[in-house]
Amino acid sequence: MIDEINLNILKILQEKARIPNVDVARQVGLAPSAILERIRKLEKLKIIDGYEVRLNPKFFAKGLVAFITAKIDEAADEIEIGKKLAYRPHVQEVHYVAGEDAFLVKLRGADTEEIGRLIRETIRSIDGVQLTKTSIVMSTYKETAQFPIDEGEKES
């Protein structure tokens, strides 16, 4: 299903999701209708998982980024806690990680006061969360959801 043409389409869309099908077609050498059909198949197969607009967080007073590690009780249900964390609207990312801490959570806020409030209200308020540690981001040099896709890296 993932041939060289589909890989090229995915690379193009990952770079610029709103590119017109005509432009994609021109770049890969197919008709726009063929591109549309391939994109629909990739969406149906969940290879394309969705589209989203990246907003400038500073415009919305959400320029401060914090990563929080949240240690949970040994008896706590990590799946349930992970779902509760993911459901919180201010939480951007939730990762269950190996090691002493159980979760790595990404939050955005206007300032350290808001981050502190969000930690109390969105993380520490969950039953089973034992301890949190916060790292405030001082500068960001790269932030993306894109990743390199090559012929040799695809999942069969």
Protein backbone atom coordinates (compact mmCIF):
# COMPACT_ATOMS: atom_id res chain seq x y z
CA MET A 1 0.00 0.00 0.00
CA ILE A 2 2.83 2.43 0.76
CA ASP A 3 4.64 2.74 -2.54
CA GLU A 4 7.12 5.45 -3.50
CA ILE A 5 4.34 7.75 -4.74
CA ASN A 6 2.41 7.47 -1.46
CA LEU A 7 5.59 8.17 0.48
CA ASN A 8 6.16 11.30 -1.59
CA ILE A 9 2.55 12.39 -1.05
CA LEU A 10 2.93 11.88 2.71
CA LYS A 11 6.17 13.88 2.77
CA ILE A 12 4.53 16.74 0.89
CA LEU A 13 1.42 16.75 3.10
CA GLN A 14 3.47 16.54 6.29
CA GLU A 15 5.34 19.67 5.22
CA LYS A 16 2.22 21.59 4.13
CA ALA A 17 -1.15 19.93 4.80
CA ARG A 18 -3.15 22.61 2.99
CA ILE A 19 -1.34 22.25 -0.32
CA PRO A 20 -3.80 21.93 -3.20
CA ASN A 21 -4.09 18.49 -4.80
CA VAL A 22 -3.12 20.07 -8.12
CA ASP A 23 0.26 21.06 -6.66
CA VAL A 24 0.79 17.62 -5.13
CA ALA A 25 -0.13 16.04 -8.47
CA ARG A 26 2.40 18.25 -10.26
CA GLN A 27 5.15 17.27 -7.82
CA VAL A 28 4.55 13.49 -8.03
CA GLY A 29 3.51 13.31 -11.68
CA LEU A 30 -0.08 12.09 -11.33
CA ALA A 31 -3.51 13.51 -12.07
CA PRO A 32 -5.20 15.48 -9.24
CA SER A 33 -8.03 12.91 -9.14
CA ALA A 34 -5.48 10.12 -8.57
CA ILE A 35 -3.91 12.14 -5.75
CA LEU A 36 -7.30 12.66 -4.11
CA GLU A 37 -8.04 8.93 -4.32
CA ARG A 38 -4.67 8.03 -2.80
CA ILE A 39 -5.10 10.56 0.03
CA ARG A 40 -8.56 9.21 0.82
CA LYS A 41 -7.16 5.67 0.99
CA LEU A 42 -4.33 6.81 3.27
CA GLU A 43 -6.89 8.50 5.54
CA LYS A 44 -9.13 5.41 5.57
CA LEU A 45 -6.15 3.24 6.53
CA LYS A 46 -5.33 5.73 9.35
CA ILE A 47 -1.88 6.34 7.87
CA ILE A 48 -2.96 9.97 7.71
CA ASP A 49 -4.24 10.44 11.23
CA GLY A 50 -5.68 13.93 10.83
CA TYR A 51 -4.98 17.53 10.00
CA GLU A 52 -4.54 20.44 12.36
CA VAL A 53 -3.60 24.08 12.31
CA ARG A 54 -0.60 25.17 14.36
CA LEU A 55 -1.43 28.41 16.14
CA ASN A 56 1.14 30.82 17.54
CA PRO A 57 0.89 30.19 21.31
CA LYS A 58 2.30 33.64 22.15
CA PHE A 59 -0.67 35.28 20.46
CA PHE A 60 -2.94 33.51 22.98
CA ALA A 61 -0.69 34.15 26.01
CA LYS A 62 0.47 30.51 26.07
CA GLY A 63 4.13 31.08 25.33
CA LEU A 64 5.53 29.37 28.42
CA VAL A 65 6.10 25.62 28.11
CA ALA A 66 6.50 23.26 31.04
CA PHE A 67 7.26 19.56 31.13
CA ILE A 68 6.00 17.82 34.23
CA THR A 69 6.95 14.37 35.40
CA ALA A 70 4.21 12.79 37.47
CA LYS A 71 4.99 9.83 39.68
CA ILE A 72 1.98 7.68 40.53
CA ASP A 73 1.20 5.33 43.40
CA GLU A 74 2.26 1.73 42.79
CA ALA A 75 -1.34 0.58 43.16
CA ALA A 76 -2.67 3.24 40.77
CA ASP A 77 -4.04 2.31 37.36
CA GLU A 78 -1.67 4.01 34.92
CA ILE A 79 -4.06 3.57 32.00
CA GLU A 80 -6.86 5.34 33.86
CA ILE A 81 -4.53 8.13 35.00
CA GLY A 82 -3.13 8.49 31.47
CA LYS A 83 -6.66 8.86 30.08
CA LYS A 84 -7.56 11.46 32.72
CA LEU A 85 -4.42 13.45 31.93
CA ALA A 86 -5.05 13.27 28.19
CA TYR A 87 -8.61 14.49 28.67
CA ARG A 88 -7.48 17.74 30.32
CA PRO A 89 -7.76 20.60 27.78
CA HIS A 90 -4.54 22.41 28.81
CA VAL A 91 -2.44 19.26 28.49
CA GLN A 92 -0.74 19.10 25.09
CA GLU A 93 1.09 15.79 25.44
CA VAL A 94 1.01 12.81 27.79
CA HIS A 95 3.67 10.09 27.64
CA TYR A 96 3.94 7.03 29.87
CA VAL A 97 7.69 6.64 30.41
CA ALA A 98 10.03 4.05 31.85
CA GLY A 99 11.97 4.79 34.99
CA GLU A 100 11.14 6.31 38.33
CA ASP A 101 8.48 8.69 37.04
CA ALA A 102 5.42 7.35 35.28
CA PHE A 103 4.21 10.23 33.09
CA LEU A 104 5.75 13.09 31.17
CA VAL A 105 3.20 15.84 30.57
CA LYS A 106 3.53 18.97 28.43
CA LEU A 107 1.59 22.10 29.43
CA ARG A 108 1.50 25.63 28.06
CA GLY A 109 0.61 28.75 29.97
CA ALA A 110 1.06 32.50 30.15
CA ASP A 111 3.45 32.49 33.10
CA THR A 112 4.71 30.41 36.02
CA GLU A 113 1.64 31.26 38.10
CA GLU A 114 -0.66 29.80 35.47
CA ILE A 115 1.56 26.75 35.05
CA GLY A 116 1.46 26.22 38.84
CA ARG A 117 -2.32 26.49 38.88
CA LEU A 118 -2.64 24.10 35.94
CA ILE A 119 -0.40 21.55 37.65
CA ARG A 120 -2.52 21.70 40.79
CA GLU A 121 -5.83 21.56 38.92
CA THR A 122 -5.01 19.18 36.08
CA ILE A 123 -2.34 16.82 37.40
CA ARG A 124 -2.13 16.79 41.18
CA SER A 125 -5.92 16.69 41.50
CA ILE A 126 -5.99 13.19 39.96
CA ASP A 127 -6.21 10.38 42.50
CA GLY A 128 -3.08 8.26 42.33
CA VAL A 129 -0.68 11.06 41.39
CA GLN A 130 1.91 11.01 44.14
CA LEU A 131 4.52 13.60 43.16
CA THR A 132 5.25 16.04 40.35
CA LYS A 133 8.46 17.68 39.16
CA THR A 134 8.37 20.59 36.75
CA SER A 135 10.87 21.78 34.15
CA ILE A 136 10.21 25.20 32.62
CA VAL A 137 11.41 25.67 29.04
CA MET A 138 13.70 28.68 28.71
CA SER A 139 14.08 28.59 24.89
CA THR A 140 12.70 26.41 22.12
CA TYR A 141 14.81 25.72 19.05
CA LYS A 142 12.56 23.15 17.42
CA GLU A 143 9.03 21.97 18.03
CA THR A 144 7.21 19.84 15.48
CA ALA A 145 5.00 16.81 15.08
CA GLN A 146 6.73 15.97 11.80
CA PHE A 147 9.14 13.06 11.52
CA PRO A 148 11.29 11.76 8.66
CA ILE A 149 9.66 9.06 6.55
CA ASP A 150 11.76 6.92 4.26
CA GLU A 151 11.09 3.79 2.24
CA GLY A 152 13.13 1.68 4.68
CA GLU A 153 11.33 3.00 7.78
CA LYS A 154 7.71 2.19 6.97
CA GLU A 155 5.71 -0.30 9.00
CA SER A 156 4.59 -3.39 7.10
